[in-house]
């Protein structure tokens, strides 16, 4: 392929990908799209992180933490490959850090999640995954990943299924004839609803 054709092809690919963010996205000061989201659901008395971490010296060594023990106990997010400072910025704990080194706010955490979960991020932006509300052809409010998933243990816990519905022969009043079954359920309760 000639140099000129390659240049045109790469320019076309760049234009297509730069337009893919869609109308809901806006540009921020760090040149990546932003989405309108409500504030993240922080645990009580835990944010801003700098309240505790502001004067602490950062220890980047991977280790068992003495603080945040509730997070340590439940941490199950690629725990063999991940550690706190892979996502949390060591120099400013009120920010998250992308793999590229860019700092983002907790309100932009969808970019952090999207680094590894690209197909889910794509579906989230399109409104297929997660929850968003708003106008059909106007402003939309997207829920952050952390509104549904715990960032330290994102997999949903298994749900115990409800029992199946009762079969007709198991229903309490199955012996009643059609004439005996009240047409108004309130009649069966003998309630005076006129008061």
N, C-alpha and C. Protein backbone atom coordinates (compact mmCIF):
# COMPACT_ATOMS: atom_id res chain seq x y z
N UNK A 1 0.86 -1.17 0.00
CA UNK A 1 0.00 0.00 0.00
C UNK A 1 0.90 1.23 0.00
N UNK A 2 0.53 2.19 -0.84
CA UNK A 2 1.33 3.40 -0.93
C UNK A 2 1.21 4.27 0.31
N UNK A 3 2.20 5.13 0.48
CA UNK A 3 2.24 6.01 1.63
C UNK A 3 1.02 6.92 1.66
N UNK A 4 0.62 7.43 0.49
CA UNK A 4 -0.52 8.34 0.41
C UNK A 4 -1.81 7.62 0.84
N UNK A 5 -2.02 6.40 0.36
CA UNK A 5 -3.21 5.63 0.73
C UNK A 5 -3.23 5.32 2.22
N UNK A 6 -2.08 4.97 2.77
CA UNK A 6 -1.99 4.70 4.20
C UNK A 6 -2.34 5.95 5.01
N UNK A 7 -1.86 7.10 4.56
CA UNK A 7 -2.17 8.36 5.24
C UNK A 7 -3.67 8.62 5.23
N UNK A 8 -4.32 8.45 4.09
CA UNK A 8 -5.77 8.67 3.98
C UNK A 8 -6.52 7.68 4.87
N UNK A 9 -6.11 6.42 4.87
CA UNK A 9 -6.76 5.40 5.69
C UNK A 9 -6.63 5.74 7.18
N UNK A 10 -5.45 6.09 7.64
CA UNK A 10 -5.24 6.43 9.04
C UNK A 10 -6.00 7.70 9.43
N UNK A 11 -6.06 8.68 8.53
CA UNK A 11 -6.83 9.89 8.81
C UNK A 11 -8.31 9.56 8.96
N UNK A 12 -8.83 8.71 8.09
CA UNK A 12 -10.23 8.29 8.19
C UNK A 12 -10.52 7.56 9.49
N UNK A 13 -9.64 6.66 9.88
CA UNK A 13 -9.81 5.93 11.14
C UNK A 13 -9.79 6.90 12.32
N UNK A 14 -8.87 7.86 12.29
CA UNK A 14 -8.80 8.86 13.37
C UNK A 14 -10.10 9.66 13.46
N UNK A 15 -10.64 10.09 12.33
CA UNK A 15 -11.88 10.88 12.33
C UNK A 15 -13.03 10.05 12.87
N UNK A 16 -13.15 8.80 12.44
CA UNK A 16 -14.23 7.94 12.92
C UNK A 16 -14.15 7.76 14.43
N UNK A 17 -12.99 7.44 14.94
CA UNK A 17 -12.86 7.20 16.37
C UNK A 17 -12.99 8.47 17.19
N UNK A 18 -12.62 9.61 16.65
CA UNK A 18 -12.77 10.85 17.41
C UNK A 18 -14.22 11.29 17.49
N UNK A 19 -15.06 10.83 16.58
CA UNK A 19 -16.49 11.19 16.60
C UNK A 19 -17.33 10.19 17.36
N UNK A 20 -16.79 9.07 17.78
CA UNK A 20 -17.57 8.01 18.40
C UNK A 20 -18.09 8.33 19.79
N UNK A 21 -17.57 9.33 20.47
CA UNK A 21 -18.00 9.63 21.84
C UNK A 21 -19.47 10.00 21.89
N UNK A 22 -20.03 10.54 20.80
CA UNK A 22 -21.46 10.82 20.75
C UNK A 22 -21.81 12.17 21.34
N UNK A 23 -23.09 12.54 21.23
CA UNK A 23 -23.51 13.87 21.65
C UNK A 23 -23.51 14.06 23.16
N UNK A 24 -23.57 12.97 23.96
CA UNK A 24 -23.64 13.11 25.42
C UNK A 24 -22.28 13.48 26.01
N UNK A 25 -21.24 13.31 25.23
CA UNK A 25 -19.90 13.53 25.77
C UNK A 25 -19.45 14.96 25.55
N UNK A 26 -18.75 15.49 26.50
CA UNK A 26 -18.16 16.82 26.39
C UNK A 26 -16.67 16.67 26.68
N UNK A 27 -15.90 17.67 26.33
CA UNK A 27 -14.47 17.60 26.58
C UNK A 27 -14.14 18.28 27.90
N UNK A 28 -13.19 17.70 28.62
CA UNK A 28 -12.75 18.30 29.87
C UNK A 28 -11.34 18.83 29.69
N UNK A 29 -10.76 19.31 30.77
CA UNK A 29 -9.42 19.88 30.67
C UNK A 29 -8.35 18.84 30.37
N UNK A 30 -8.65 17.55 30.54
CA UNK A 30 -7.64 16.55 30.22
C UNK A 30 -7.94 15.84 28.91
N UNK A 31 -8.81 16.43 28.09
CA UNK A 31 -9.03 16.03 26.71
C UNK A 31 -9.59 14.62 26.54
N UNK A 32 -10.38 14.16 27.49
CA UNK A 32 -11.14 12.93 27.30
C UNK A 32 -12.60 13.26 27.59
N UNK A 33 -13.54 12.60 26.91
CA UNK A 33 -14.95 12.97 27.08
C UNK A 33 -15.43 12.78 28.51
N UNK A 34 -16.41 13.59 28.89
CA UNK A 34 -17.05 13.48 30.20
C UNK A 34 -18.52 13.16 29.99
N UNK A 35 -19.12 12.50 30.96
CA UNK A 35 -20.53 12.19 30.93
C UNK A 35 -21.16 12.75 32.19
N UNK A 36 -22.40 13.17 32.08
CA UNK A 36 -23.10 13.70 33.24
C UNK A 36 -23.44 12.55 34.19
N UNK A 37 -22.88 12.59 35.38
CA UNK A 37 -23.10 11.51 36.36
C UNK A 37 -23.38 12.11 37.74
N UNK A 38 -24.18 11.41 38.56
CA UNK A 38 -24.34 11.87 39.94
C UNK A 38 -23.08 11.56 40.73
N UNK A 39 -22.92 12.15 41.90
CA UNK A 39 -21.72 11.88 42.70
C UNK A 39 -21.61 10.40 43.07
N UNK A 40 -20.40 9.88 43.20
CA UNK A 40 -20.23 8.48 43.58
C UNK A 40 -20.73 8.22 45.00
N UNK A 41 -21.14 7.00 45.28
CA UNK A 41 -21.65 6.67 46.63
C UNK A 41 -20.51 6.34 47.59
N UNK A 42 -19.89 7.36 48.15
CA UNK A 42 -18.79 7.15 49.07
C UNK A 42 -19.30 6.58 50.39
N UNK A 43 -18.46 5.77 51.03
CA UNK A 43 -18.76 5.31 52.37
C UNK A 43 -18.68 6.51 53.31
N UNK A 44 -19.47 6.48 54.36
CA UNK A 44 -19.51 7.60 55.29
C UNK A 44 -18.13 7.85 55.91
N UNK A 45 -17.77 9.10 56.03
CA UNK A 45 -16.51 9.54 56.65
C UNK A 45 -15.26 9.01 55.97
N UNK A 46 -15.33 8.74 54.66
CA UNK A 46 -14.15 8.21 53.99
C UNK A 46 -13.61 9.16 52.92
N UNK A 47 -14.38 10.16 52.50
CA UNK A 47 -13.94 11.10 51.48
C UNK A 47 -14.09 12.50 52.01
N UNK A 48 -13.18 13.38 51.78
CA UNK A 48 -12.00 13.24 50.95
C UNK A 48 -10.91 12.41 51.62
N UNK A 49 -10.26 11.62 50.82
CA UNK A 49 -9.21 10.72 51.32
C UNK A 49 -8.05 11.50 51.92
N UNK A 50 -7.84 12.71 51.39
CA UNK A 50 -6.71 13.51 51.87
C UNK A 50 -6.87 13.92 53.33
N UNK A 51 -8.07 13.80 53.90
CA UNK A 51 -8.23 14.10 55.32
C UNK A 51 -7.31 13.23 56.17
N UNK A 52 -7.15 11.98 55.78
CA UNK A 52 -6.25 11.08 56.51
C UNK A 52 -4.90 10.92 55.79
N UNK A 53 -4.94 10.81 54.46
CA UNK A 53 -3.74 10.52 53.70
C UNK A 53 -2.91 11.75 53.35
N UNK A 54 -3.44 12.94 53.58
CA UNK A 54 -2.75 14.16 53.17
C UNK A 54 -1.35 14.32 53.75
N UNK A 55 -1.17 13.96 55.00
CA UNK A 55 0.13 14.12 55.65
C UNK A 55 0.93 12.83 55.75
N UNK A 56 0.37 11.74 55.21
CA UNK A 56 1.07 10.45 55.28
C UNK A 56 2.11 10.34 54.17
N UNK A 57 3.21 9.70 54.48
CA UNK A 57 4.18 9.38 53.45
C UNK A 57 3.70 8.14 52.71
N UNK A 58 3.76 8.16 51.40
CA UNK A 58 3.26 7.04 50.60
C UNK A 58 4.25 5.90 50.59
N UNK A 59 3.76 4.71 50.90
CA UNK A 59 4.57 3.50 50.81
C UNK A 59 4.04 2.72 49.61
N UNK A 60 4.75 2.75 48.47
CA UNK A 60 4.24 2.10 47.26
C UNK A 60 4.38 0.58 47.26
N UNK A 61 5.00 0.02 48.29
CA UNK A 61 5.22 -1.43 48.34
C UNK A 61 3.90 -2.17 48.55
N UNK A 62 3.68 -3.19 47.73
CA UNK A 62 2.49 -4.02 47.88
C UNK A 62 2.59 -4.81 49.18
N UNK A 63 1.54 -4.69 50.01
CA UNK A 63 1.60 -5.30 51.33
C UNK A 63 0.19 -5.47 51.89
N UNK A 64 0.07 -6.15 53.00
CA UNK A 64 -1.20 -6.26 53.72
C UNK A 64 -1.43 -4.93 54.44
N UNK A 65 -2.56 -4.30 54.18
CA UNK A 65 -2.84 -3.00 54.80
C UNK A 65 -3.31 -3.15 56.24
N UNK A 66 -2.92 -2.20 57.06
CA UNK A 66 -3.38 -2.18 58.45
C UNK A 66 -4.66 -1.38 58.60
N UNK A 67 -4.90 -0.45 57.69
CA UNK A 67 -6.13 0.34 57.67
C UNK A 67 -7.03 -0.20 56.55
N UNK A 68 -8.23 0.28 56.50
CA UNK A 68 -9.20 -0.16 55.49
C UNK A 68 -9.36 -1.69 55.50
N UNK A 69 -9.41 -2.25 56.69
CA UNK A 69 -9.46 -3.71 56.83
C UNK A 69 -10.72 -4.31 56.20
N UNK A 70 -11.83 -3.56 56.20
CA UNK A 70 -13.05 -4.09 55.57
C UNK A 70 -12.87 -4.26 54.06
N UNK A 71 -12.09 -3.39 53.45
CA UNK A 71 -11.80 -3.51 52.02
C UNK A 71 -10.84 -4.67 51.79
N UNK A 72 -9.84 -4.81 52.65
CA UNK A 72 -8.86 -5.89 52.52
C UNK A 72 -9.55 -7.25 52.58
N UNK A 73 -10.50 -7.40 53.51
CA UNK A 73 -11.19 -8.69 53.68
C UNK A 73 -12.01 -9.07 52.46
N UNK A 74 -12.64 -8.11 51.82
CA UNK A 74 -13.53 -8.44 50.71
C UNK A 74 -12.92 -8.22 49.33
N UNK A 75 -11.68 -7.74 49.27
CA UNK A 75 -11.08 -7.40 47.97
C UNK A 75 -11.02 -8.62 47.06
N UNK A 76 -11.70 -8.53 45.93
CA UNK A 76 -11.75 -9.62 44.96
C UNK A 76 -11.92 -9.01 43.57
N UNK A 77 -10.89 -8.33 43.13
CA UNK A 77 -10.93 -7.68 41.82
C UNK A 77 -9.56 -7.87 41.18
N UNK A 78 -9.36 -9.06 40.62
CA UNK A 78 -8.05 -9.44 40.08
C UNK A 78 -6.98 -9.23 41.13
N UNK A 79 -7.25 -9.74 42.33
CA UNK A 79 -6.39 -9.45 43.49
C UNK A 79 -4.96 -9.94 43.34
N UNK A 80 -4.71 -10.91 42.47
CA UNK A 80 -3.33 -11.34 42.25
C UNK A 80 -2.55 -10.35 41.39
N UNK A 81 -3.28 -9.55 40.59
CA UNK A 81 -2.63 -8.60 39.69
C UNK A 81 -2.81 -7.15 40.13
N UNK A 82 -3.75 -6.86 41.01
CA UNK A 82 -4.09 -5.49 41.38
C UNK A 82 -3.71 -5.16 42.81
N UNK A 83 -3.45 -3.88 43.02
CA UNK A 83 -3.22 -3.38 44.35
C UNK A 83 -3.74 -1.95 44.40
N UNK A 84 -3.90 -1.40 45.57
CA UNK A 84 -4.54 -0.09 45.79
C UNK A 84 -4.01 1.00 44.84
N UNK A 85 -2.68 1.10 44.75
CA UNK A 85 -2.09 2.21 44.00
C UNK A 85 -2.09 1.98 42.50
N UNK A 86 -2.68 0.88 42.04
CA UNK A 86 -2.89 0.72 40.60
C UNK A 86 -4.01 1.63 40.14
N UNK A 87 -4.93 1.96 41.03
CA UNK A 87 -6.08 2.81 40.70
C UNK A 87 -6.06 4.14 41.46
N UNK A 88 -5.70 4.09 42.73
CA UNK A 88 -5.67 5.30 43.56
C UNK A 88 -4.35 6.01 43.37
N UNK A 89 -4.41 7.31 43.16
CA UNK A 89 -3.19 8.09 42.95
C UNK A 89 -2.41 8.21 44.26
N UNK A 90 -1.15 7.80 44.28
CA UNK A 90 -0.39 7.84 45.53
C UNK A 90 -0.07 9.26 46.01
N UNK A 91 -0.02 10.23 45.11
CA UNK A 91 0.36 11.59 45.48
C UNK A 91 -0.82 12.48 45.85
N UNK A 92 -2.01 12.13 45.39
CA UNK A 92 -3.23 12.89 45.71
C UNK A 92 -4.35 11.88 45.80
N UNK A 93 -4.65 11.43 47.00
CA UNK A 93 -5.62 10.34 47.18
C UNK A 93 -7.04 10.75 46.84
N UNK A 94 -7.28 12.02 46.59
CA UNK A 94 -8.62 12.46 46.17
C UNK A 94 -8.80 12.31 44.67
N UNK A 95 -7.84 11.72 44.00
CA UNK A 95 -7.89 11.47 42.55
C UNK A 95 -7.61 10.00 42.28
N UNK A 96 -8.10 9.55 41.15
CA UNK A 96 -7.77 8.22 40.63
C UNK A 96 -6.75 8.40 39.51
N UNK A 97 -6.04 7.33 39.19
CA UNK A 97 -4.98 7.42 38.19
C UNK A 97 -5.19 6.37 37.11
N UNK A 98 -5.22 6.81 35.87
CA UNK A 98 -5.31 5.89 34.74
C UNK A 98 -3.95 5.26 34.48
N UNK A 99 -3.94 4.20 33.71
CA UNK A 99 -2.67 3.52 33.37
C UNK A 99 -1.72 4.46 32.65
N UNK A 100 -2.28 5.45 31.93
CA UNK A 100 -1.46 6.42 31.21
C UNK A 100 -0.81 7.43 32.14
N UNK A 101 -1.26 7.46 33.41
CA UNK A 101 -0.75 8.43 34.35
C UNK A 101 -1.67 9.64 34.53
N UNK A 102 -2.68 9.78 33.66
CA UNK A 102 -3.62 10.89 33.80
C UNK A 102 -4.41 10.74 35.09
N UNK A 103 -4.63 11.86 35.76
CA UNK A 103 -5.42 11.87 36.98
C UNK A 103 -6.87 12.21 36.63
N UNK A 104 -7.79 11.51 37.27
CA UNK A 104 -9.22 11.76 37.05
C UNK A 104 -9.90 11.86 38.40
N UNK A 105 -11.07 12.47 38.41
CA UNK A 105 -11.85 12.55 39.64
C UNK A 105 -12.62 11.25 39.82
N UNK A 106 -13.17 11.07 41.00
CA UNK A 106 -13.99 9.89 41.26
C UNK A 106 -15.26 9.91 40.41
N UNK A 107 -15.72 11.11 40.02
CA UNK A 107 -16.88 11.22 39.13
C UNK A 107 -16.56 10.73 37.72
N UNK A 108 -15.30 10.59 37.38
CA UNK A 108 -14.88 10.09 36.07
C UNK A 108 -14.35 8.67 36.15
N UNK A 109 -14.70 7.96 37.20
CA UNK A 109 -14.17 6.61 37.43
C UNK A 109 -14.52 5.63 36.32
N UNK A 110 -15.52 5.96 35.49
CA UNK A 110 -15.87 5.08 34.37
C UNK A 110 -14.69 4.90 33.42
N UNK A 111 -13.80 5.88 33.33
CA UNK A 111 -12.61 5.72 32.49
C UNK A 111 -11.64 4.72 33.10
N UNK A 112 -11.53 4.72 34.40
CA UNK A 112 -10.66 3.77 35.09
C UNK A 112 -11.18 2.35 34.85
N UNK A 113 -12.47 2.14 35.06
CA UNK A 113 -13.07 0.82 34.84
C UNK A 113 -12.95 0.41 33.36
N UNK A 114 -13.16 1.40 32.48
CA UNK A 114 -13.14 1.13 31.05
C UNK A 114 -11.80 0.71 30.50
N UNK A 115 -10.72 0.97 31.24
CA UNK A 115 -9.39 0.54 30.78
C UNK A 115 -9.31 -0.97 30.62
N UNK A 116 -9.93 -1.71 31.53
CA UNK A 116 -9.89 -3.17 31.49
C UNK A 116 -11.19 -3.76 30.93
N UNK A 117 -12.28 -3.05 31.16
CA UNK A 117 -13.60 -3.56 30.76
C UNK A 117 -14.11 -2.76 29.57
N UNK A 118 -13.36 -2.81 28.48
CA UNK A 118 -13.64 -1.98 27.30
C UNK A 118 -14.99 -2.23 26.66
N UNK A 119 -15.38 -3.49 26.50
CA UNK A 119 -16.67 -3.76 25.85
C UNK A 119 -17.82 -3.31 26.74
N UNK A 120 -17.68 -3.46 28.04
CA UNK A 120 -18.73 -3.00 28.95
C UNK A 120 -18.78 -1.48 28.96
N UNK A 121 -17.63 -0.83 28.91
CA UNK A 121 -17.57 0.63 28.83
C UNK A 121 -18.27 1.12 27.56
N UNK A 122 -18.01 0.46 26.45
CA UNK A 122 -18.67 0.82 25.19
C UNK A 122 -20.18 0.69 25.33
N UNK A 123 -20.63 -0.42 25.94
CA UNK A 123 -22.07 -0.63 26.13
C UNK A 123 -22.65 0.39 27.11
N UNK A 124 -21.88 0.78 28.13
CA UNK A 124 -22.34 1.78 29.10
C UNK A 124 -22.55 3.13 28.42
N UNK A 125 -21.60 3.52 27.56
CA UNK A 125 -21.73 4.80 26.85
C UNK A 125 -22.96 4.80 25.95
N UNK A 126 -23.28 3.64 25.38
CA UNK A 126 -24.43 3.54 24.48
C UNK A 126 -25.74 3.36 25.23
N UNK A 127 -25.67 3.14 26.55
CA UNK A 127 -26.88 2.97 27.34
C UNK A 127 -27.37 1.54 27.41
N UNK A 128 -26.57 0.59 26.94
CA UNK A 128 -26.96 -0.82 26.96
C UNK A 128 -26.65 -1.45 28.32
N UNK A 129 -25.55 -1.06 28.93
CA UNK A 129 -25.13 -1.59 30.24
C UNK A 129 -25.29 -0.49 31.27
N UNK A 130 -25.79 -0.82 32.43
CA UNK A 130 -25.95 0.17 33.48
C UNK A 130 -27.24 0.93 33.35
N UNK A 131 -27.36 1.98 34.10
CA UNK A 131 -28.58 2.78 34.11
C UNK A 131 -28.28 4.20 33.71
N UNK A 132 -29.12 4.73 32.86
CA UNK A 132 -29.06 6.15 32.55
C UNK A 132 -30.48 6.67 32.43
N UNK A 133 -30.66 7.90 32.77
CA UNK A 133 -31.96 8.54 32.69
C UNK A 133 -31.79 9.84 31.93
N UNK A 134 -32.90 10.40 31.52
CA UNK A 134 -32.83 11.69 30.82
C UNK A 134 -33.71 11.70 29.61
N UNK A 135 -33.41 12.62 28.74
CA UNK A 135 -34.21 12.83 27.54
C UNK A 135 -33.76 11.90 26.42
N UNK A 136 -34.71 11.55 25.58
CA UNK A 136 -34.40 10.67 24.46
C UNK A 136 -33.32 11.26 23.57
N UNK A 137 -33.50 12.52 23.21
CA UNK A 137 -32.58 13.18 22.29
C UNK A 137 -31.90 14.36 22.95
N UNK A 138 -31.70 14.31 24.25
CA UNK A 138 -31.10 15.44 24.96
C UNK A 138 -30.15 14.96 26.03
N UNK A 139 -30.07 15.75 27.08
CA UNK A 139 -29.15 15.45 28.17
C UNK A 139 -29.52 14.16 28.88
N UNK A 140 -28.53 13.36 29.18
CA UNK A 140 -28.72 12.10 29.89
C UNK A 140 -27.83 12.09 31.12
N UNK A 141 -28.29 11.40 32.17
CA UNK A 141 -27.51 11.21 33.37
C UNK A 141 -27.15 9.74 33.46
N UNK A 142 -25.87 9.45 33.46
CA UNK A 142 -25.37 8.09 33.51
C UNK A 142 -25.04 7.73 34.96
N UNK A 143 -25.35 6.54 35.38
CA UNK A 143 -24.93 6.07 36.71
C UNK A 143 -23.52 5.50 36.56
N UNK A 144 -22.69 5.80 37.54
CA UNK A 144 -21.31 5.29 37.54
C UNK A 144 -21.31 3.78 37.76
N UNK A 145 -20.24 3.13 37.38
CA UNK A 145 -20.07 1.69 37.64
C UNK A 145 -20.28 1.40 39.12
N UNK A 146 -19.73 2.30 39.99
CA UNK A 146 -19.79 2.07 41.43
C UNK A 146 -21.17 2.29 42.02
N UNK A 147 -22.12 2.78 41.25
CA UNK A 147 -23.49 2.86 41.76
C UNK A 147 -24.11 1.47 41.82
N UNK A 148 -23.61 0.53 41.04
CA UNK A 148 -24.12 -0.85 41.06
C UNK A 148 -23.08 -1.86 41.54
N UNK A 149 -21.81 -1.61 41.24
CA UNK A 149 -20.74 -2.55 41.56
C UNK A 149 -19.83 -1.98 42.63
N UNK A 150 -19.45 -2.81 43.58
CA UNK A 150 -18.43 -2.40 44.55
C UNK A 150 -17.09 -2.42 43.80
N UNK A 151 -16.35 -1.33 43.77
CA UNK A 151 -15.13 -1.31 42.98
C UNK A 151 -14.06 -2.28 43.46
N UNK A 152 -14.13 -2.70 44.71
CA UNK A 152 -13.13 -3.62 45.26
C UNK A 152 -13.59 -5.07 45.15
N UNK A 153 -14.84 -5.30 44.86
CA UNK A 153 -15.40 -6.64 44.67
C UNK A 153 -16.61 -6.50 43.76
N UNK A 154 -16.38 -6.29 42.45
CA UNK A 154 -17.46 -5.89 41.55
C UNK A 154 -18.46 -6.97 41.15
N UNK A 155 -18.09 -8.23 41.28
CA UNK A 155 -19.01 -9.28 40.84
C UNK A 155 -20.22 -9.31 41.76
N UNK A 156 -21.41 -9.40 41.17
CA UNK A 156 -22.61 -9.50 41.98
C UNK A 156 -22.62 -10.81 42.73
N UNK A 157 -23.07 -10.76 43.96
CA UNK A 157 -23.19 -11.98 44.75
C UNK A 157 -24.37 -12.79 44.22
N UNK A 158 -24.29 -14.13 44.28
CA UNK A 158 -25.40 -14.94 43.78
C UNK A 158 -26.67 -14.66 44.58
N UNK A 159 -27.78 -14.65 43.88
CA UNK A 159 -29.07 -14.43 44.51
C UNK A 159 -29.78 -15.76 44.69
N UNK A 160 -30.42 -15.94 45.83
CA UNK A 160 -31.20 -17.14 46.05
C UNK A 160 -32.53 -16.97 45.32
N UNK A 161 -32.88 -17.89 44.45
CA UNK A 161 -34.12 -17.72 43.70
C UNK A 161 -35.35 -17.87 44.60
N UNK A 162 -36.40 -17.19 44.24
CA UNK A 162 -37.67 -17.33 44.95
C UNK A 162 -38.29 -18.67 44.59
N UNK A 163 -39.19 -19.18 45.43
CA UNK A 163 -39.84 -20.44 45.09
C UNK A 163 -40.73 -20.26 43.86
N UNK A 164 -40.99 -21.34 43.14
CA UNK A 164 -41.84 -21.21 41.95
C UNK A 164 -43.27 -20.88 42.36
N UNK A 165 -44.09 -20.39 41.43
CA UNK A 165 -45.49 -20.11 41.76
C UNK A 165 -46.23 -21.40 42.10
N UNK A 166 -47.28 -21.26 42.88
CA UNK A 166 -48.07 -22.44 43.27
C UNK A 166 -48.87 -22.95 42.07
N UNK A 167 -48.97 -24.25 42.02
CA UNK A 167 -49.78 -24.88 40.98
C UNK A 167 -51.24 -24.73 41.38
N UNK A 168 -52.17 -24.75 40.45
CA UNK A 168 -53.59 -24.56 40.78
C UNK A 168 -54.09 -25.51 41.87
N UNK A 169 -53.62 -26.76 41.86
CA UNK A 169 -54.10 -27.71 42.87
C UNK A 169 -53.56 -27.42 44.27
N UNK A 170 -52.56 -26.54 44.36
CA UNK A 170 -51.99 -26.18 45.66
C UNK A 170 -52.61 -24.92 46.27
N UNK A 171 -53.47 -24.26 45.53
CA UNK A 171 -54.08 -23.02 45.99
C UNK A 171 -55.13 -23.32 47.05
N UNK A 172 -55.16 -22.51 48.07
CA UNK A 172 -55.98 -22.74 49.26
C UNK A 172 -57.46 -22.94 48.95
N UNK A 173 -58.05 -22.12 48.13
CA UNK A 173 -59.49 -22.18 47.88
C UNK A 173 -59.83 -22.89 46.57
N UNK A 174 -59.06 -23.87 46.18
CA UNK A 174 -59.27 -24.52 44.90
C UNK A 174 -60.57 -25.32 44.87
N UNK A 175 -61.10 -25.66 46.05
CA UNK A 175 -62.32 -26.46 46.12
C UNK A 175 -63.59 -25.62 45.88
N UNK A 176 -63.47 -24.29 45.83
CA UNK A 176 -64.63 -23.43 45.61
C UNK A 176 -65.08 -23.50 44.16
N UNK A 177 -66.38 -23.40 43.98
CA UNK A 177 -66.93 -23.35 42.61
C UNK A 177 -66.84 -21.90 42.14
N UNK A 178 -67.07 -21.68 40.87
CA UNK A 178 -67.04 -20.33 40.31
C UNK A 178 -68.06 -19.43 40.99
N UNK A 179 -69.20 -19.98 41.37
CA UNK A 179 -70.22 -19.17 42.05
C UNK A 179 -69.79 -18.78 43.45
N UNK A 180 -68.94 -19.57 44.08
CA UNK A 180 -68.50 -19.29 45.44
C UNK A 180 -67.31 -18.32 45.50
N UNK A 181 -66.62 -18.16 44.41
CA UNK A 181 -65.47 -17.26 44.36
C UNK A 181 -66.00 -15.84 44.22
N UNK A 182 -65.69 -14.94 45.16
CA UNK A 182 -66.22 -13.57 45.07
C UNK A 182 -65.65 -12.82 43.88
N UNK A 183 -66.48 -12.04 43.21
CA UNK A 183 -66.01 -11.28 42.06
C UNK A 183 -65.15 -10.10 42.52
N UNK A 184 -65.42 -9.62 43.75
CA UNK A 184 -64.64 -8.53 44.32
C UNK A 184 -63.86 -9.10 45.50
N UNK A 185 -62.56 -9.10 45.47
CA UNK A 185 -61.78 -9.67 46.56
C UNK A 185 -62.07 -9.02 47.91
N UNK A 186 -62.49 -7.76 47.92
CA UNK A 186 -62.81 -7.10 49.19
C UNK A 186 -64.04 -7.73 49.85
N UNK A 187 -64.96 -8.29 49.02
CA UNK A 187 -66.13 -8.96 49.60
C UNK A 187 -65.71 -10.15 50.45
N UNK A 188 -64.67 -10.83 50.03
CA UNK A 188 -64.22 -12.00 50.77
C UNK A 188 -63.66 -11.61 52.13
N UNK A 189 -63.14 -10.39 52.23
CA UNK A 189 -62.57 -9.93 53.50
C UNK A 189 -63.64 -9.38 54.43
N UNK A 190 -64.86 -9.22 53.92
CA UNK A 190 -65.98 -8.67 54.71
C UNK A 190 -65.62 -7.31 55.29
N UNK A 191 -64.99 -6.49 54.47
CA UNK A 191 -64.61 -5.15 54.90
C UNK A 191 -65.69 -4.15 54.50
N UNK A 192 -65.92 -3.20 55.37
CA UNK A 192 -66.83 -2.11 55.03
C UNK A 192 -65.99 -0.99 54.49
N UNK A 193 -65.96 -0.84 53.18
CA UNK A 193 -65.11 0.16 52.54
C UNK A 193 -65.82 1.49 52.37
N UNK A 194 -67.05 1.60 52.88
CA UNK A 194 -67.80 2.85 52.73
C UNK A 194 -67.43 3.87 53.77
N UNK A 195 -66.72 3.50 54.80
CA UNK A 195 -66.36 4.44 55.88
C UNK A 195 -65.24 5.36 55.46
